[in-house]
Amino acid sequence: PISTRQFRLTFRLWAKAAGLPEEVSAHSLRHSAGTHV
């Protein structure tokens, strides 16, 4: 499998393409999922 580092870098690539703030991380999405539910 990909490394956790590559997982974070890949996520950042998609976040940047979506025009989101540079601080957005995969944990941001995990945190938001719990809040939204």
Full PDB file with SEQRES, HELIX, SHEET, SSBOND, CRYST1, ORIGX, SCALE, CONECT and MASTER records, all heavy atoms in Angstrom:
SEQRES   1 A   37  PRO ILE SER THR ARG GLN PHE ARG LEU THR PHE ARG LEU          
SEQRES   2 A   37  TRP ALA LYS ALA ALA GLY LEU PRO GLU GLU VAL SER ALA          
SEQRES   3 A   37  HIS SER LEU ARG HIS SER ALA GLY THR HIS VAL                  
HELIX    1 AA1 THR A    4  ALA A   17  1                                  14    
HELIX    2 AA2 ALA A   26  HIS A   36  1                                  11    
CRYST1    1.000    1.000    1.000  90.00  90.00  90.00 P 1           1          
ORIGX1      1.000000  0.000000  0.000000        0.00000                         
ORIGX2      0.000000  1.000000  0.000000        0.00000                         
ORIGX3      0.000000  0.000000  1.000000        0.00000                         
SCALE1      1.000000  0.000000  0.000000        0.00000                         
SCALE2      0.000000  1.000000  0.000000        0.00000                         
SCALE3      0.000000  0.000000  1.000000        0.00000                         
ATOM      1  N   PRO A   1       0.840  -1.206   0.000  1.00  0.00           N  
ATOM      2  CA  PRO A   1       0.000   0.000   0.000  1.00  0.00           C  
ATOM      3  C   PRO A   1       0.870   1.248   0.000  1.00  0.00           C  
ATOM      4  O   PRO A   1       2.073   1.199   0.290  1.00  0.00           O  
ATOM      5  CB  PRO A   1      -0.774  -0.119   1.316  1.00  0.00           C  
ATOM      6  CG  PRO A   1       0.160  -0.862   2.222  1.00  0.00           C  
ATOM      7  CD  PRO A   1       0.868  -1.857   1.333  1.00  0.00           C  
ATOM      8  N   ILE A   2       0.268   2.384  -0.338  1.00  0.00           N  
ATOM      9  CA  ILE A   2       0.999   3.638  -0.243  1.00  0.00           C  
ATOM     10  C   ILE A   2       1.341   3.915   1.218  1.00  0.00           C  
ATOM     11  O   ILE A   2       0.688   3.396   2.123  1.00  0.00           O  
ATOM     12  CB  ILE A   2       0.197   4.829  -0.819  1.00  0.00           C  
ATOM     13  CG1 ILE A   2      -1.130   5.010  -0.054  1.00  0.00           C  
ATOM     14  CG2 ILE A   2      -0.057   4.659  -2.292  1.00  0.00           C  
ATOM     15  CD1 ILE A   2      -1.887   6.259  -0.446  1.00  0.00           C  
ATOM     16  N   SER A   3       2.350   4.717   1.446  1.00  0.00           N  
ATOM     17  CA  SER A   3       2.728   5.077   2.806  1.00  0.00           C  
ATOM     18  C   SER A   3       1.768   6.140   3.329  1.00  0.00           C  
ATOM     19  O   SER A   3       1.060   6.802   2.549  1.00  0.00           O  
ATOM     20  CB  SER A   3       4.156   5.617   2.832  1.00  0.00           C  
ATOM     21  OG  SER A   3       4.243   6.838   2.106  1.00  0.00           O  
ATOM     22  N   THR A   4       1.730   6.313   4.630  1.00  0.00           N  
ATOM     23  CA  THR A   4       0.874   7.364   5.187  1.00  0.00           C  
ATOM     24  C   THR A   4       1.344   8.741   4.716  1.00  0.00           C  
ATOM     25  O   THR A   4       0.534   9.642   4.535  1.00  0.00           O  
ATOM     26  CB  THR A   4       0.885   7.313   6.731  1.00  0.00           C  
ATOM     27  OG1 THR A   4       2.234   7.311   7.206  1.00  0.00           O  
ATOM     28  CG2 THR A   4       0.180   6.064   7.223  1.00  0.00           C  
ATOM     29  N   ARG A   5       2.643   8.898   4.505  1.00  0.00           N  
ATOM     30  CA  ARG A   5       3.170  10.173   3.991  1.00  0.00           C  
ATOM     31  C   ARG A   5       2.629  10.436   2.588  1.00  0.00           C  
ATOM     32  O   ARG A   5       2.194  11.543   2.267  1.00  0.00           O  
ATOM     33  CB  ARG A   5       4.695  10.146   3.967  1.00  0.00           C  
ATOM     34  CG  ARG A   5       5.326  11.434   3.397  1.00  0.00           C  
ATOM     35  CD  ARG A   5       6.850  11.389   3.464  1.00  0.00           C  
ATOM     36  NE  ARG A   5       7.442  12.621   2.949  1.00  0.00           N  
ATOM     37  CZ  ARG A   5       7.684  12.841   1.669  1.00  0.00           C  
ATOM     38  NH1 ARG A   5       7.392  11.893   0.767  1.00  0.00           N  
ATOM     39  NH2 ARG A   5       8.215  13.987   1.265  1.00  0.00           N  
ATOM     40  N   GLN A   6       2.649   9.397   1.730  1.00  0.00           N  
ATOM     41  CA  GLN A   6       2.128   9.558   0.376  1.00  0.00           C  
ATOM     42  C   GLN A   6       0.616   9.781   0.396  1.00  0.00           C  
ATOM     43  O   GLN A   6       0.084  10.526  -0.431  1.00  0.00           O  
ATOM     44  CB  GLN A   6       2.461   8.335  -0.473  1.00  0.00           C  
ATOM     45  CG  GLN A   6       2.203   8.512  -1.959  1.00  0.00           C  
ATOM     46  CD  GLN A   6       2.974   9.675  -2.555  1.00  0.00           C  
ATOM     47  OE1 GLN A   6       4.164   9.826  -2.307  1.00  0.00           O  
ATOM     48  NE2 GLN A   6       2.293  10.521  -3.320  1.00  0.00           N  
ATOM     49  N   PHE A   7      -0.045   9.168   1.333  1.00  0.00           N  
ATOM     50  CA  PHE A   7      -1.486   9.386   1.502  1.00  0.00           C  
ATOM     51  C   PHE A   7      -1.762  10.868   1.777  1.00  0.00           C  
ATOM     52  O   PHE A   7      -2.638  11.479   1.165  1.00  0.00           O  
ATOM     53  CB  PHE A   7      -1.997   8.518   2.653  1.00  0.00           C  
ATOM     54  CG  PHE A   7      -3.406   8.800   3.089  1.00  0.00           C  
ATOM     55  CD1 PHE A   7      -4.489   8.382   2.329  1.00  0.00           C  
ATOM     56  CD2 PHE A   7      -3.657   9.480   4.276  1.00  0.00           C  
ATOM     57  CE1 PHE A   7      -5.796   8.634   2.737  1.00  0.00           C  
ATOM     58  CE2 PHE A   7      -4.953   9.732   4.689  1.00  0.00           C  
ATOM     59  CZ  PHE A   7      -6.021   9.303   3.921  1.00  0.00           C  
ATOM     60  N   ARG A   8      -0.983  11.454   2.693  1.00  0.00           N  
ATOM     61  CA  ARG A   8      -1.170  12.867   3.034  1.00  0.00           C  
ATOM     62  C   ARG A   8      -0.837  13.773   1.849  1.00  0.00           C  
ATOM     63  O   ARG A   8      -1.542  14.746   1.577  1.00  0.00           O  
ATOM     64  CB  ARG A   8      -0.309  13.232   4.240  1.00  0.00           C  
ATOM     65  CG  ARG A   8      -0.762  12.590   5.544  1.00  0.00           C  
ATOM     66  CD  ARG A   8      -0.057  13.206   6.744  1.00  0.00           C  
ATOM     67  NE  ARG A   8       1.370  12.954   6.728  1.00  0.00           N  
ATOM     68  CZ  ARG A   8       1.945  11.925   7.325  1.00  0.00           C  
ATOM     69  NH1 ARG A   8       1.204  11.034   7.977  1.00  0.00           N  
ATOM     70  NH2 ARG A   8       3.257  11.772   7.293  1.00  0.00           N  
ATOM     71  N   LEU A   9       0.243  13.445   1.115  1.00  0.00           N  
ATOM     72  CA  LEU A   9       0.643  14.259  -0.036  1.00  0.00           C  
ATOM     73  C   LEU A   9      -0.397  14.187  -1.154  1.00  0.00           C  
ATOM     74  O   LEU A   9      -0.708  15.190  -1.792  1.00  0.00           O  
ATOM     75  CB  LEU A   9       2.015  13.806  -0.556  1.00  0.00           C  
ATOM     76  CG  LEU A   9       3.211  14.093   0.353  1.00  0.00           C  
ATOM     77  CD1 LEU A   9       4.473  13.459  -0.225  1.00  0.00           C  
ATOM     78  CD2 LEU A   9       3.398  15.595   0.534  1.00  0.00           C  
ATOM     79  N   THR A  10      -0.929  12.991  -1.385  1.00  0.00           N  
ATOM     80  CA  THR A  10      -1.961  12.822  -2.410  1.00  0.00           C  
ATOM     81  C   THR A  10      -3.209  13.601  -2.047  1.00  0.00           C  
ATOM     82  O   THR A  10      -3.827  14.264  -2.888  1.00  0.00           O  
ATOM     83  CB  THR A  10      -2.304  11.325  -2.583  1.00  0.00           C  
ATOM     84  OG1 THR A  10      -1.125  10.612  -2.962  1.00  0.00           O  
ATOM     85  CG2 THR A  10      -3.380  11.130  -3.651  1.00  0.00           C  
ATOM     86  N   PHE A  11      -3.576  13.548  -0.769  1.00  0.00           N  
ATOM     87  CA  PHE A  11      -4.748  14.296  -0.317  1.00  0.00           C  
ATOM     88  C   PHE A  11      -4.543  15.785  -0.544  1.00  0.00           C  
ATOM     89  O   PHE A  11      -5.449  16.483  -1.005  1.00  0.00           O  
ATOM     90  CB  PHE A  11      -5.010  14.017   1.160  1.00  0.00           C  
ATOM     91  CG  PHE A  11      -6.256  14.684   1.664  1.00  0.00           C  
ATOM     92  CD1 PHE A  11      -7.480  14.052   1.568  1.00  0.00           C  
ATOM     93  CD2 PHE A  11      -6.222  15.966   2.199  1.00  0.00           C  
ATOM     94  CE1 PHE A  11      -8.644  14.671   1.993  1.00  0.00           C  
ATOM     95  CE2 PHE A  11      -7.364  16.591   2.633  1.00  0.00           C  
ATOM     96  CZ  PHE A  11      -8.581  15.942   2.533  1.00  0.00           C  
ATOM     97  N   ARG A  12      -3.353  16.287  -0.231  1.00  0.00           N  
ATOM     98  CA  ARG A  12      -3.064  17.705  -0.411  1.00  0.00           C  
ATOM     99  C   ARG A  12      -3.174  18.105  -1.870  1.00  0.00           C  
ATOM    100  O   ARG A  12      -3.622  19.216  -2.194  1.00  0.00           O  
ATOM    101  CB  ARG A  12      -1.663  18.037   0.108  1.00  0.00           C  
ATOM    102  CG  ARG A  12      -1.563  18.301   1.577  1.00  0.00           C  
ATOM    103  CD  ARG A  12      -2.388  19.534   1.994  1.00  0.00           C  
ATOM    104  NE  ARG A  12      -2.125  20.680   1.140  1.00  0.00           N  
ATOM    105  CZ  ARG A  12      -3.071  21.471   0.656  1.00  0.00           C  
ATOM    106  NH1 ARG A  12      -4.342  21.243   0.914  1.00  0.00           N  
ATOM    107  NH2 ARG A  12      -2.762  22.499  -0.093  1.00  0.00           N  
ATOM    108  N   LEU A  13      -2.794  17.213  -2.772  1.00  0.00           N  
ATOM    109  CA  LEU A  13      -2.883  17.491  -4.204  1.00  0.00           C  
ATOM    110  C   LEU A  13      -4.331  17.743  -4.609  1.00  0.00           C  
ATOM    111  O   LEU A  13      -4.636  18.694  -5.342  1.00  0.00           O  
ATOM    112  CB  LEU A  13      -2.306  16.306  -4.980  1.00  0.00           C  
ATOM    113  CG  LEU A  13      -2.300  16.420  -6.509  1.00  0.00           C  
ATOM    114  CD1 LEU A  13      -1.317  17.502  -6.942  1.00  0.00           C  
ATOM    115  CD2 LEU A  13      -1.910  15.084  -7.145  1.00  0.00           C  
ATOM    116  N   TRP A  14      -5.231  16.910  -4.100  1.00  0.00           N  
ATOM    117  CA  TRP A  14      -6.649  17.066  -4.431  1.00  0.00           C  
ATOM    118  C   TRP A  14      -7.240  18.298  -3.755  1.00  0.00           C  
ATOM    119  O   TRP A  14      -8.069  19.005  -4.346  1.00  0.00           O  
ATOM    120  CB  TRP A  14      -7.424  15.813  -4.030  1.00  0.00           C  
ATOM    121  CG  TRP A  14      -7.125  14.666  -4.944  1.00  0.00           C  
ATOM    122  CD1 TRP A  14      -6.229  13.664  -4.744  1.00  0.00           C  
ATOM    123  CD2 TRP A  14      -7.693  14.427  -6.238  1.00  0.00           C  
ATOM    124  NE1 TRP A  14      -6.202  12.807  -5.810  1.00  0.00           N  
ATOM    125  CE2 TRP A  14      -7.090  13.247  -6.747  1.00  0.00           C  
ATOM    126  CE3 TRP A  14      -8.645  15.088  -7.013  1.00  0.00           C  
ATOM    127  CZ2 TRP A  14      -7.415  12.731  -8.005  1.00  0.00           C  
ATOM    128  CZ3 TRP A  14      -8.972  14.565  -8.251  1.00  0.00           C  
ATOM    129  CH2 TRP A  14      -8.366  13.396  -8.733  1.00  0.00           C  
ATOM    130  N   ALA A  15      -6.821  18.571  -2.540  1.00  0.00           N  
ATOM    131  CA  ALA A  15      -7.321  19.752  -1.835  1.00  0.00           C  
ATOM    132  C   ALA A  15      -6.893  21.029  -2.560  1.00  0.00           C  
ATOM    133  O   ALA A  15      -7.668  21.977  -2.691  1.00  0.00           O  
ATOM    134  CB  ALA A  15      -6.805  19.761  -0.395  1.00  0.00           C  
ATOM    135  N   LYS A  16      -5.656  21.045  -3.025  1.00  0.00           N  
ATOM    136  CA  LYS A  16      -5.158  22.211  -3.758  1.00  0.00           C  
ATOM    137  C   LYS A  16      -5.927  22.399  -5.060  1.00  0.00           C  
ATOM    138  O   LYS A  16      -6.285  23.525  -5.430  1.00  0.00           O  
ATOM    139  CB  LYS A  16      -3.672  22.048  -4.046  1.00  0.00           C  
ATOM    140  CG  LYS A  16      -3.039  23.247  -4.742  1.00  0.00           C  
ATOM    141  CD  LYS A  16      -1.542  23.050  -4.934  1.00  0.00           C  
ATOM    142  CE  LYS A  16      -0.924  24.276  -5.620  1.00  0.00           C  
ATOM    143  NZ  LYS A  16       0.547  24.085  -5.816  1.00  0.00           N  
ATOM    144  N   ALA A  17      -6.207  21.290  -5.761  1.00  0.00           N  
ATOM    145  CA  ALA A  17      -6.963  21.360  -7.015  1.00  0.00           C  
ATOM    146  C   ALA A  17      -8.370  21.893  -6.786  1.00  0.00           C  
ATOM    147  O   ALA A  17      -8.961  22.529  -7.659  1.00  0.00           O  
ATOM    148  CB  ALA A  17      -7.019  19.981  -7.667  1.00  0.00           C  
ATOM    149  N   ALA A  18      -8.914  21.647  -5.581  1.00  0.00           N  
ATOM    150  CA  ALA A  18     -10.259  22.123  -5.241  1.00  0.00           C  
ATOM    151  C   ALA A  18     -10.249  23.564  -4.735  1.00  0.00           C  
ATOM    152  O   ALA A  18     -11.303  24.122  -4.448  1.00  0.00           O  
ATOM    153  CB  ALA A  18     -10.890  21.209  -4.190  1.00  0.00           C  
ATOM    154  N   GLY A  19      -9.057  24.157  -4.607  1.00  0.00           N  
ATOM    155  CA  GLY A  19      -8.956  25.538  -4.162  1.00  0.00           C  
ATOM    156  C   GLY A  19      -9.177  25.721  -2.675  1.00  0.00           C  
ATOM    157  O   GLY A  19      -9.553  26.814  -2.235  1.00  0.00           O  
ATOM    158  N   LEU A  20      -8.916  24.689  -1.882  1.00  0.00           N  
ATOM    159  CA  LEU A  20      -9.125  24.769  -0.436  1.00  0.00           C  
ATOM    160  C   LEU A  20      -7.887  25.313   0.264  1.00  0.00           C  
ATOM    161  O   LEU A  20      -6.783  25.279  -0.291  1.00  0.00           O  
ATOM    162  CB  LEU A  20      -9.480  23.394   0.112  1.00  0.00           C  
ATOM    163  CG  LEU A  20     -10.797  22.806  -0.404  1.00  0.00           C  
ATOM    164  CD1 LEU A  20     -11.025  21.430   0.197  1.00  0.00           C  
ATOM    165  CD2 LEU A  20     -11.971  23.721  -0.104  1.00  0.00           C  
ATOM    166  N   PRO A  21      -8.042  25.826   1.496  1.00  0.00           N  
ATOM    167  CA  PRO A  21      -6.897  26.371   2.232  1.00  0.00           C  
ATOM    168  C   PRO A  21      -5.768  25.361   2.368  1.00  0.00           C  
ATOM    169  O   PRO A  21      -6.007  24.150   2.454  1.00  0.00           O  
ATOM    170  CB  PRO A  21      -7.501  26.718   3.604  1.00  0.00           C  
ATOM    171  CG  PRO A  21      -8.941  26.961   3.321  1.00  0.00           C  
ATOM    172  CD  PRO A  21      -9.308  25.997   2.231  1.00  0.00           C  
ATOM    173  N   GLU A  22      -4.547  25.870   2.402  1.00  0.00           N  
ATOM    174  CA  GLU A  22      -3.382  24.984   2.405  1.00  0.00           C  
ATOM    175  C   GLU A  22      -3.281  24.136   3.664  1.00  0.00           C  
ATOM    176  O   GLU A  22      -2.612  23.105   3.675  1.00  0.00           O  
ATOM    177  CB  GLU A  22      -2.104  25.806   2.242  1.00  0.00           C  
ATOM    178  CG  GLU A  22      -1.856  26.808   3.358  1.00  0.00           C  
ATOM    179  CD  GLU A  22      -0.643  27.672   3.104  1.00  0.00           C  
ATOM    180  OE1 GLU A  22      -0.254  27.811   1.932  1.00  0.00           O  
ATOM    181  OE2 GLU A  22      -0.096  28.211   4.080  1.00  0.00           O  
ATOM    182  N   GLU A  23      -3.963  24.540   4.742  1.00  0.00           N  
ATOM    183  CA  GLU A  23      -3.901  23.757   5.972  1.00  0.00           C  
ATOM    184  C   GLU A  23      -4.779  22.507   5.944  1.00  0.00           C  
ATOM    185  O   GLU A  23      -4.714  21.684   6.851  1.00  0.00           O  
ATOM    186  CB  GLU A  23      -4.328  24.602   7.184  1.00  0.00           C  
ATOM    187  CG  GLU A  23      -3.517  25.867   7.388  1.00  0.00           C  
ATOM    188  CD  GLU A  23      -4.221  27.070   6.792  1.00  0.00           C  
ATOM    189  OE1 GLU A  23      -4.733  26.944   5.667  1.00  0.00           O  
ATOM    190  OE2 GLU A  23      -4.276  28.112   7.452  1.00  0.00           O  
ATOM    191  N   VAL A  24      -5.639  22.379   4.930  1.00  0.00           N  
ATOM    192  CA  VAL A  24      -6.547  21.232   4.872  1.00  0.00           C  
ATOM    193  C   VAL A  24      -5.734  19.939   4.790  1.00  0.00           C  
ATOM    194  O   VAL A  24      -4.790  19.826   4.010  1.00  0.00           O  
ATOM    195  CB  VAL A  24      -7.478  21.337   3.649  1.00  0.00           C  
ATOM    196  CG1 VAL A  24      -8.250  20.034   3.459  1.00  0.00           C  
ATOM    197  CG2 VAL A  24      -8.448  22.477   3.833  1.00  0.00           C  
ATOM    198  N   SER A  25      -6.115  18.987   5.610  1.00  0.00           N  
ATOM    199  CA  SER A  25      -5.434  17.691   5.625  1.00  0.00           C  
ATOM    200  C   SER A  25      -6.482  16.583   5.617  1.00  0.00           C  
ATOM    201  O   SER A  25      -7.686  16.836   5.732  1.00  0.00           O  
ATOM    202  CB  SER A  25      -4.569  17.561   6.881  1.00  0.00           C  
ATOM    203  OG  SER A  25      -5.395  17.526   8.035  1.00  0.00           O  
ATOM    204  N   ALA A  26      -6.025  15.346   5.494  1.00  0.00           N  
ATOM    205  CA  ALA A  26      -6.952  14.220   5.559  1.00  0.00           C  
ATOM    206  C   ALA A  26      -7.648  14.188   6.913  1.00  0.00           C  
ATOM    207  O   ALA A  26      -8.817  13.810   7.023  1.00  0.00           O  
ATOM    208  CB  ALA A  26      -6.197  12.913   5.306  1.00  0.00           C  
ATOM    209  N   HIS A  27      -6.938  14.613   7.968  1.00  0.00           N  
ATOM    210  CA  HIS A  27      -7.567  14.651   9.291  1.00  0.00           C  
ATOM    211  C   HIS A  27      -8.652  15.725   9.338  1.00  0.00           C  
ATOM    212  O   HIS A  27      -9.638  15.586  10.068  1.00  0.00           O  
ATOM    213  CB  HIS A  27      -6.524  14.910  10.381  1.00  0.00           C  
ATOM    214  CG  HIS A  27      -7.083  14.772  11.766  1.00  0.00           C  
ATOM    215  ND1 HIS A  27      -7.364  13.541  12.329  1.00  0.00           N  
ATOM    216  CD2 HIS A  27      -7.451  15.697  12.691  1.00  0.00           C  
ATOM    217  CE1 HIS A  27      -7.870  13.719  13.533  1.00  0.00           C  
ATOM    218  NE2 HIS A  27      -7.932  15.005  13.788  1.00  0.00           N  
ATOM    219  N   SER A  28      -8.488  16.803   8.550  1.00  0.00           N  
ATOM    220  CA  SER A  28      -9.545  17.819   8.464  1.00  0.00           C  
ATOM    221  C   SER A  28     -10.839  17.182   7.991  1.00  0.00           C  
ATOM    222  O   SER A  28     -11.926  17.485   8.487  1.00  0.00           O  
ATOM    223  CB  SER A  28      -9.152  18.925   7.475  1.00  0.00           C  
ATOM    224  OG  SER A  28      -7.925  19.516   7.780  1.00  0.00           O  
ATOM    225  N   LEU A  29     -10.715  16.285   7.016  1.00  0.00           N  
ATOM    226  CA  LEU A  29     -11.894  15.640   6.447  1.00  0.00           C  
ATOM    227  C   LEU A  29     -12.507  14.671   7.455  1.00  0.00           C  
ATOM    228  O   LEU A  29     -13.731  14.583   7.585  1.00  0.00           O  
ATOM    229  CB  LEU A  29     -11.502  14.910   5.165  1.00  0.00           C  
ATOM    230  CG  LEU A  29     -12.601  14.697   4.132  1.00  0.00           C  
ATOM    231  CD1 LEU A  29     -13.265  16.010   3.757  1.00  0.00           C  
ATOM    232  CD2 LEU A  29     -12.039  14.025   2.893  1.00  0.00           C  
ATOM    233  N   ARG A  30     -11.671  13.955   8.164  1.00  0.00           N  
ATOM    234  CA  ARG A  30     -12.158  13.045   9.215  1.00  0.00           C  
ATOM    235  C   ARG A  30     -12.893  13.839  10.293  1.00  0.00           C  
ATOM    236  O   ARG A  30     -13.993  13.471  10.719  1.00  0.00           O  
ATOM    237  CB  ARG A  30     -10.966  12.296   9.821  1.00  0.00           C  
ATOM    238  CG  ARG A  30     -11.289  11.455  11.047  1.00  0.00           C  
ATOM    239  CD  ARG A  30     -10.036  10.705  11.515  1.00  0.00           C  
ATOM    240  NE  ARG A  30     -10.154  10.308  12.917  1.00  0.00           N  
ATOM    241  CZ  ARG A  30     -10.828   9.246  13.341  1.00  0.00           C  
ATOM    242  NH1 ARG A  30     -11.461   8.465  12.473  1.00  0.00           N  
ATOM    243  NH2 ARG A  30     -10.887   8.948  14.631  1.00  0.00           N  
ATOM    244  N   HIS A  31     -12.298  14.923  10.715  1.00  0.00           N  
ATOM    245  CA  HIS A  31     -12.904  15.792  11.727  1.00  0.00           C  
ATOM    246  C   HIS A  31     -14.247  16.330  11.238  1.00  0.00           C  
ATOM    247  O   HIS A  31     -15.246  16.323  11.970  1.00  0.00           O  
ATOM    248  CB  HIS A  31     -11.937  16.942  12.013  1.00  0.00           C  
ATOM    249  CG  HIS A  31     -12.486  18.010  12.907  1.00  0.00           C  
ATOM    250  ND1 HIS A  31     -12.673  17.829  14.256  1.00  0.00           N  
ATOM    251  CD2 HIS A  31     -12.884  19.272  12.642  1.00  0.00           C  
ATOM    252  CE1 HIS A  31     -13.168  18.940  14.785  1.00  0.00           C  
ATOM    253  NE2 HIS A  31     -13.303  19.827  13.829  1.00  0.00           N  
ATOM    254  N   SER A  32     -14.289  16.761   9.978  1.00  0.00           N  
ATOM    255  CA  SER A  32     -15.514  17.337   9.410  1.00  0.00           C  
ATOM    256  C   SER A  32     -16.608  16.287   9.277  1.00  0.00           C  
ATOM    257  O   SER A  32     -17.790  16.593   9.485  1.00  0.00           O  
ATOM    258  CB  SER A  32     -15.213  17.954   8.044  1.00  0.00           C  
ATOM    259  OG  SER A  32     -14.241  18.970   8.158  1.00  0.00           O  
ATOM    260  N   ALA A  33     -16.241  15.055   8.950  1.00  0.00           N  
ATOM    261  CA  ALA A  33     -17.241  13.996   8.812  1.00  0.00           C  
ATOM    262  C   ALA A  33     -17.991  13.786  10.121  1.00  0.00           C  
ATOM    263  O   ALA A  33     -19.226  13.710  10.143  1.00  0.00           O  
ATOM    264  CB  ALA A  33     -16.578  12.693   8.377  1.00  0.00           C  
ATOM    265  N   GLY A  34     -17.261  13.718  11.215  1.00  0.00           N  
ATOM    266  CA  GLY A  34     -17.907  13.545  12.513  1.00  0.00           C  
ATOM    267  C   GLY A  34     -18.815  14.707  12.859  1.00  0.00           C  
ATOM    268  O   GLY A  34     -19.931  14.526  13.355  1.00  0.00           O  
ATOM    269  N   THR A  35     -18.348  15.910  12.565  1.00  0.00           N  
ATOM    270  CA  THR A  35     -19.141  17.111  12.850  1.00  0.00           C  
ATOM    271  C   THR A  35     -20.398  17.150  12.001  1.00  0.00           C  
ATOM    272  O   THR A  35     -21.483  17.476  12.490  1.00  0.00           O  
ATOM    273  CB  THR A  35     -18.295  18.375  12.591  1.00  0.00           C  
ATOM    274  OG1 THR A  35     -17.100  18.316  13.376  1.00  0.00           O  
ATOM    275  CG2 THR A  35     -19.061  19.627  12.953  1.00  0.00           C  
ATOM    276  N   HIS A  36     -20.285  16.802  10.719  1.00  0.00           N  
ATOM    277  CA  HIS A  36     -21.435  16.871   9.816  1.00  0.00           C  
ATOM    278  C   HIS A  36     -22.488  15.812  10.167  1.00  0.00           C  
ATOM    279  O   HIS A  36     -23.691  16.081  10.082  1.00  0.00           O  
ATOM    280  CB  HIS A  36     -20.979  16.691   8.365  1.00  0.00           C  
ATOM    281  CG  HIS A  36     -20.113  17.805   7.883  1.00  0.00           C  
ATOM    282  ND1 HIS A  36     -19.339  17.723   6.744  1.00  0.00           N  
ATOM    283  CD2 HIS A  36     -19.895  19.053   8.399  1.00  0.00           C  
ATOM    284  CE1 HIS A  36     -18.682  18.858   6.577  1.00  0.00           C  
ATOM    285  NE2 HIS A  36     -19.001  19.675   7.562  1.00  0.00           N  
ATOM    286  N   VAL A  37     -22.047  14.623  10.531  1.00  0.00           N  
ATOM    287  CA  VAL A  37     -23.003  13.584  10.930  1.00  0.00           C  
ATOM    288  C   VAL A  37     -23.784  14.043  12.157  1.00  0.00           C  
ATOM    289  O   VAL A  37     -25.015  13.901  12.223  1.00  0.00           O  
ATOM    290  CB  VAL A  37     -22.281  12.250  11.220  1.00  0.00           C  
ATOM    291  CG1 VAL A  37     -23.232  11.261  11.878  1.00  0.00           C  
ATOM    292  CG2 VAL A  37     -21.732  11.654   9.937  1.00  0.00           C  
TER     293      VAL A  37                                                      
MASTER        0    0    0    2    0    0    0    6  292    1    0    3          
END                                                                             
